[in-house]
Structures are given as C-alpha cells and as structure tokens.
C-alpha atoms as a PDB file:
ATOM      1  CA  MET A   1      16.579  -5.414  10.033  1.00  0.00           C
ATOM      2  CA  LEU A   2      13.738  -3.178   8.852  1.00  0.00           C
ATOM      3  CA  LEU A   3      15.914  -0.093   9.305  1.00  0.00           C
ATOM      4  CA  ASP A   4      18.694  -1.757   7.313  1.00  0.00           C
ATOM      5  CA  ASP A   5      16.238  -2.547   4.504  1.00  0.00           C
ATOM      6  CA  LEU A   6      14.947   1.023   4.442  1.00  0.00           C
ATOM      7  CA  LEU A   7      18.446   2.496   4.416  1.00  0.00           C
ATOM      8  CA  ASP A   8      19.511   0.047   1.701  1.00  0.00           C
ATOM      9  CA  SER A   9      16.506   1.066  -0.413  1.00  0.00           C
ATOM     10  CA  VAL A  10      17.847   4.607  -0.805  1.00  0.00           C
ATOM     11  CA  GLN A  11      19.242   4.774  -4.323  1.00  0.00           C
ATOM     12  CA  GLN A  12      20.622   8.318  -4.373  1.00  0.00           C
ATOM     13  CA  ASP A  13      22.118  10.620  -1.796  1.00  0.00           C
ATOM     14  CA  ALA A  14      21.374  14.343  -1.750  1.00  0.00           C
ATOM     15  CA  ALA A  15      22.707  17.506  -0.176  1.00  0.00           C
ATOM     16  CA  VAL A  16      20.828  18.721   2.871  1.00  0.00           C
ATOM     17  CA  ARG A  17      19.279  22.153   2.386  1.00  0.00           C
ATOM     18  CA  GLU A  18      17.797  22.529   5.854  1.00  0.00           C
ATOM     19  CA  VAL A  19      17.228  20.717   9.149  1.00  0.00           C
ATOM     20  CA  LEU A  20      14.479  21.924  11.456  1.00  0.00           C
ATOM     21  CA  VAL A  21      13.953  20.309  14.852  1.00  0.00           C
ATOM     22  CA  GLY A  22      10.835  21.461  16.663  1.00  0.00           C
ATOM     23  CA  ALA A  23       9.014  20.417  19.796  1.00  0.00           C
ATOM     24  CA  TYR A  24       6.740  18.025  17.892  1.00  0.00           C
ATOM     25  CA  CYS A  25       8.134  17.574  14.375  1.00  0.00           C
ATOM     26  CA  THR A  26      11.528  17.303  12.725  1.00  0.00           C
ATOM     27  CA  VAL A  27      12.006  18.184   9.053  1.00  0.00           C
ATOM     28  CA  VAL A  28      14.975  17.473   6.803  1.00  0.00           C
ATOM     29  CA  CYS A  29      14.944  19.017   3.335  1.00  0.00           C
ATOM     30  CA  SER A  30      17.198  17.327   0.809  1.00  0.00           C
ATOM     31  CA  ARG A  31      15.893  15.852  -2.461  1.00  0.00           C
ATOM     32  CA  THR A  32      12.411  16.344  -0.982  1.00  0.00           C
ATOM     33  CA  CYS A  33      11.343  17.363   2.512  1.00  0.00           C
ATOM     34  CA  GLY A  34      10.989  14.498   4.979  1.00  0.00           C
ATOM     35  CA  MET A  35       9.267  14.729   8.321  1.00  0.00           C
ATOM     36  CA  ALA A  36       9.263  12.674  11.512  1.00  0.00           C
ATOM     37  CA  ALA A  37       7.979  13.120  15.033  1.00  0.00           C
ATOM     38  CA  SER A  38      10.465  14.799  17.384  1.00  0.00           C
ATOM     39  CA  LEU A  39      10.883  12.247  20.125  1.00  0.00           C
ATOM     40  CA  SER A  40      13.013  12.554  23.224  1.00  0.00           C
ATOM     41  CA  ASP A  41      13.918  10.329  26.114  1.00  0.00           C
ATOM     42  CA  HIS A  42      11.988  11.542  29.145  1.00  0.00           C
ATOM     43  CA  HIS A  43      14.598   9.926  31.401  1.00  0.00           C
ATOM     44  CA  GLN A  44      17.467  11.997  29.994  1.00  0.00           C
ATOM     45  CA  PRO A  45      17.970  15.737  30.295  1.00  0.00           C
ATOM     46  CA  LYS A  46      15.479  17.721  28.197  1.00  0.00           C
ATOM     47  CA  HIS A  47      18.192  18.972  25.834  1.00  0.00           C
ATOM     48  CA  SER A  48      19.903  15.722  24.865  1.00  0.00           C
ATOM     49  CA  HIS A  49      23.149  16.106  22.965  1.00  0.00           C
ATOM     50  CA  VAL A  50      22.806  15.709  19.201  1.00  0.00           C
ATOM     51  CA  ARG A  51      25.957  14.890  17.252  1.00  0.00           C
ATOM     52  CA  ALA A  52      27.031  17.744  14.978  1.00  0.00           C
ATOM     53  CA  ALA A  53      24.332  20.062  16.350  1.00  0.00           C
ATOM     54  CA  GLY A  54      24.518  23.344  14.463  1.00  0.00           C
ATOM     55  CA  ARG A  55      26.262  21.626  11.542  1.00  0.00           C
ATOM     56  CA  LEU A  56      23.651  19.029  10.549  1.00  0.00           C
ATOM     57  CA  HIS A  57      23.002  20.868   7.271  1.00  0.00           C
ATOM     58  CA  THR A  58      26.624  20.240   6.228  1.00  0.00           C
ATOM     59  CA  LYS A  59      26.090  16.474   6.144  1.00  0.00           C
ATOM     60  CA  SER A  60      24.517  14.581   3.271  1.00  0.00           C
ATOM     61  CA  ALA A  61      20.994  13.252   3.686  1.00  0.00           C
ATOM     62  CA  ARG A  62      22.337   9.669   3.657  1.00  0.00           C
ATOM     63  CA  GLN A  63      24.755  10.535   6.482  1.00  0.00           C
ATOM     64  CA  LEU A  64      21.904  12.000   8.513  1.00  0.00           C
ATOM     65  CA  ALA A  65      19.680   9.022   7.693  1.00  0.00           C
ATOM     66  CA  GLU A  66      22.187   6.833   9.549  1.00  0.00           C
ATOM     67  CA  TYR A  67      21.138   8.684  12.727  1.00  0.00           C
ATOM     68  CA  VAL A  68      17.961   6.568  12.610  1.00  0.00           C
ATOM     69  CA  ARG A  69      20.034   3.819  14.282  1.00  0.00           C
ATOM     70  CA  SER A  70      20.868   6.059  17.276  1.00  0.00           C
ATOM     71  CA  ASP A  71      19.809   5.192  20.817  1.00  0.00           C
ATOM     72  CA  ASN A  72      19.158   8.918  21.278  1.00  0.00           C
ATOM     73  CA  PRO A  73      15.493   9.371  20.250  1.00  0.00           C
ATOM     74  CA  LEU A  74      16.060  12.941  19.043  1.00  0.00           C
ATOM     75  CA  GLU A  75      18.926  11.835  16.788  1.00  0.00           C
ATOM     76  CA  ALA A  76      16.785   8.947  15.543  1.00  0.00           C
ATOM     77  CA  SER A  77      14.030  11.487  14.741  1.00  0.00           C
ATOM     78  CA  ILE A  78      16.493  13.456  12.612  1.00  0.00           C
ATOM     79  CA  GLY A  79      17.616  10.236  10.923  1.00  0.00           C
ATOM     80  CA  LEU A  80      14.054   9.210  10.099  1.00  0.00           C
ATOM     81  CA  ALA A  81      13.226  12.644   8.677  1.00  0.00           C
ATOM     82  CA  ALA A  82      16.377  12.461   6.531  1.00  0.00           C
ATOM     83  CA  LEU A  83      15.464   8.972   5.353  1.00  0.00           C
ATOM     84  CA  ASN A  84      11.965  10.171   4.473  1.00  0.00           C
ATOM     85  CA  SER A  85      13.501  13.012   2.453  1.00  0.00           C
ATOM     86  CA  LEU A  86      15.288  10.460   0.265  1.00  0.00           C
ATOM     87  CA  LEU A  87      12.497   7.938  -0.336  1.00  0.00           C
ATOM     88  CA  GLU A  88      11.053   7.664  -3.827  1.00  0.00           C
ATOM     89  CA  VAL A  89       7.359   8.576  -3.873  1.00  0.00           C
ATOM     90  CA  ASN A  90       5.106   7.976  -6.864  1.00  0.00           C
ATOM     91  CA  VAL A  91       2.934  11.072  -6.523  1.00  0.00           C
ATOM     92  CA  SER A  92       0.559   9.853  -9.249  1.00  0.00           C
ATOM     93  CA  GLN A  93      -0.506   6.999  -6.946  1.00  0.00           C
ATOM     94  CA  ALA A  94      -0.857   9.142  -3.828  1.00  0.00           C
ATOM     95  CA  VAL A  95      -4.278   9.835  -2.371  1.00  0.00           C
ATOM     96  CA  GLU A  96      -5.255  12.166   0.436  1.00  0.00           C
ATOM     97  CA  ILE A  97      -7.138  10.256   3.104  1.00  0.00           C
ATOM     98  CA  ASN A  98      -7.198  10.256   6.879  1.00  0.00           C
ATOM     99  CA  ALA A  99      -5.813   7.126   8.538  1.00  0.00           C
ATOM    100  CA  VAL A 100      -8.759   6.846  10.939  1.00  0.00           C
ATOM    101  CA  ASP A 101     -11.163   6.708   7.973  1.00  0.00           C
ATOM    102  CA  VAL A 102      -9.197   3.832   6.438  1.00  0.00           C
ATOM    103  CA  LEU A 103      -9.094   1.975   9.761  1.00  0.00           C
ATOM    104  CA  MET A 104     -12.822   2.469  10.347  1.00  0.00           C
ATOM    105  CA  GLU A 105     -13.662   1.143   6.890  1.00  0.00           C
ATOM    106  CA  LYS A 106     -11.228  -1.778   6.778  1.00  0.00           C
ATOM    107  CA  GLY A 107     -11.596  -2.654  10.476  1.00  0.00           C
ATOM    108  CA  LYS A 108     -15.362  -3.242  10.650  1.00  0.00           C
ATOM    109  CA  GLY A 109     -15.867  -6.475  12.575  1.00  0.00           C
ATOM    110  CA  LYS A 110     -12.113  -7.160  12.665  1.00  0.00           C
ATOM    111  CA  ASN A 111      -9.375  -7.270  15.270  1.00  0.00           C
ATOM    112  CA  VAL A 112      -7.319  -4.085  14.914  1.00  0.00           C
ATOM    113  CA  ALA A 113      -4.002  -3.431  16.636  1.00  0.00           C
ATOM    114  CA  LEU A 114      -2.909   0.199  16.752  1.00  0.00           C
ATOM    115  CA  VAL A 115       0.678   0.914  17.747  1.00  0.00           C
ATOM    116  CA  GLY A 116       0.507   4.161  19.687  1.00  0.00           C
ATOM    117  CA  HIS A 117      -2.372   6.002  21.302  1.00  0.00           C
ATOM    118  CA  PHE A 118      -3.795   8.638  18.970  1.00  0.00           C
ATOM    119  CA  PRO A 119      -6.508  11.254  19.585  1.00  0.00           C
ATOM    120  CA  PHE A 120      -8.906   9.361  17.285  1.00  0.00           C
ATOM    121  CA  VAL A 121      -8.947   6.203  19.469  1.00  0.00           C
ATOM    122  CA  PRO A 122     -12.354   6.984  21.077  1.00  0.00           C
ATOM    123  CA  ARG A 123     -13.866   7.440  17.602  1.00  0.00           C
ATOM    124  CA  LEU A 124     -12.232   4.270  16.248  1.00  0.00           C
ATOM    125  CA  ARG A 125     -13.033   1.913  19.153  1.00  0.00           C
ATOM    126  CA  PRO A 126     -16.801   1.505  18.439  1.00  0.00           C
ATOM    127  CA  ALA A 127     -16.223   1.303  14.661  1.00  0.00           C
ATOM    128  CA  VAL A 128     -14.085  -1.854  14.674  1.00  0.00           C
ATOM    129  CA  GLY A 129     -14.556  -5.357  16.050  1.00  0.00           C
ATOM    130  CA  GLN A 130     -11.792  -5.328  18.674  1.00  0.00           C
ATOM    131  CA  LEU A 131      -9.209  -2.582  19.151  1.00  0.00           C
ATOM    132  CA  TRP A 132      -5.925  -3.152  20.905  1.00  0.00           C
ATOM    133  CA  VAL A 133      -3.907   0.019  21.449  1.00  0.00           C
ATOM    134  CA  LEU A 134      -0.266  -0.742  22.229  1.00  0.00           C
ATOM    135  CA  GLU A 135       1.499   2.108  23.975  1.00  0.00           C
ATOM    136  CA  ILE A 136       4.830   2.683  25.729  1.00  0.00           C
ATOM    137  CA  HIS A 137       2.977   4.797  28.306  1.00  0.00           C
ATOM    138  CA  PRO A 138      -0.477   3.134  28.311  1.00  0.00           C
ATOM    139  CA  LEU A 139      -3.598   5.121  29.041  1.00  0.00           C
ATOM    140  CA  GLU A 140      -6.770   3.560  30.411  1.00  0.00           C
ATOM    141  CA  GLY A 141      -7.872   0.785  28.034  1.00  0.00           C
ATOM    142  CA  ASP A 142      -4.457   0.567  26.336  1.00  0.00           C
ATOM    143  CA  TYR A 143      -2.011  -2.327  26.482  1.00  0.00           C
ATOM    144  CA  PRO A 144       1.665  -1.991  27.319  1.00  0.00           C
ATOM    145  CA  ALA A 145       4.054  -2.241  24.368  1.00  0.00           C
ATOM    146  CA  GLU A 146       5.313  -5.551  25.782  1.00  0.00           C
ATOM    147  CA  ALA A 147       1.929  -7.122  24.921  1.00  0.00           C
ATOM    148  CA  ALA A 148       2.680  -6.772  21.191  1.00  0.00           C
ATOM    149  CA  ALA A 149       4.064 -10.305  20.870  1.00  0.00           C
ATOM    150  CA  ASP A 150       0.750 -11.726  22.134  1.00  0.00           C
ATOM    151  CA  LEU A 151      -1.674  -9.330  20.433  1.00  0.00           C
ATOM    152  CA  LEU A 152      -0.203  -8.673  16.977  1.00  0.00           C
ATOM    153  CA  PRO A 153      -0.553 -12.305  15.781  1.00  0.00           C
ATOM    154  CA  GLN A 154      -4.290 -12.110  16.639  1.00  0.00           C
ATOM    155  CA  ALA A 155      -4.840  -8.885  14.674  1.00  0.00           C
ATOM    156  CA  ASP A 156      -6.484  -8.824  11.261  1.00  0.00           C
ATOM    157  CA  ILE A 157      -5.161  -5.290  10.743  1.00  0.00           C
ATOM    158  CA  VAL A 158      -2.087  -3.648  12.284  1.00  0.00           C
ATOM    159  CA  ALA A 159      -1.670   0.125  12.068  1.00  0.00           C
ATOM    160  CA  ILE A 160       1.766   1.513  12.807  1.00  0.00           C
ATOM    161  CA  THR A 161       3.475   4.807  12.085  1.00  0.00           C
ATOM    162  CA  SER A 162       7.136   5.382  11.428  1.00  0.00           C
ATOM    163  CA  SER A 163       7.504   6.818  14.941  1.00  0.00           C
ATOM    164  CA  ALA A 164       7.576   3.219  16.144  1.00  0.00           C
ATOM    165  CA  LEU A 165      10.898   2.858  14.301  1.00  0.00           C
ATOM    166  CA  ILE A 166      12.330   5.575  16.514  1.00  0.00           C
ATOM    167  CA  ASN A 167      10.960   3.975  19.684  1.00  0.00           C
END
C-alpha cells in the first residue's frame, strides 16, 4: 500500500536522461536525479536479469518507477531511484544534517527502533534509552526482521530508510 501511495503521489512523468547501476548505489536522472541503494538477492546469480537492460534510458521515469514493485531487488532498486527522481522536494525547507545526530538528540532516554544495521550503531547505542536494530541478516546485538511486529509498537522513535521498501 505504501508503494501504491508513493507511486500515486507522482504528479508528472519525465524523460529519463540516464540510468546508472553501481555496486552500492543506483541513480536515475529524469526531472531530478534520484538515488537508491543497489540491492541484490544473494540467493540468485550475481548478475540477475533486469528487464530492458541496456534500454532503461528509453523508458519514462514513471515506467521505471513501476519497477519498485519487482521481486527482483535490483529492479526494485532501479524503480526506487526512478521514483525518487520524480518526487517534489521543497529545497527551501531542506536542511543538511546527519541522521545519527537527529537520532541521538531525539532518542535520549527513549526506545528507538532502527530498521537496518548501520555503521553508526555503536555510537548510537549508548546515546539512546533502548536501541533495537532490526536486520535481515542480524549481527550480534541485532534482532531479526521478523521481530518488527513485536518491537515497533514499543518504540518511541522508528528510523527507516527507503531501502526497506526494496527489501
């Protein structure tokens, strides 16, 4: 449902100028440049088939955004980057701040759920009341993604990136 809402929020389509898929990031340039993490399924061959590979730039950004619904994580990465390239952003309200700084400030003495294990977790853990890290491939001290239904309702703050939409 969230993906449907995001796709429905796109008011205008745009021509795709460029699609770049790298080892870690995917970029689609249309109206603006949108970025997403390049995710792949570790259980499938390393070079998963992507529909229209080599011709992605001939599609509209809205057509590529539909890839966000794909079961193929790499296609979904392309779709999310395309969707991000179409979203309206009010630059006058944008501020440059690091997410860990926001979480440390807002999370003092609170229960914080973080979807995904990030390099800043050791720095964040002592700065908040309780930290629950939900991860598909949990590291020591993390919780498996399946624990989300139990932990998220207990959280005062939930931090999630758009990569979770791909997963």
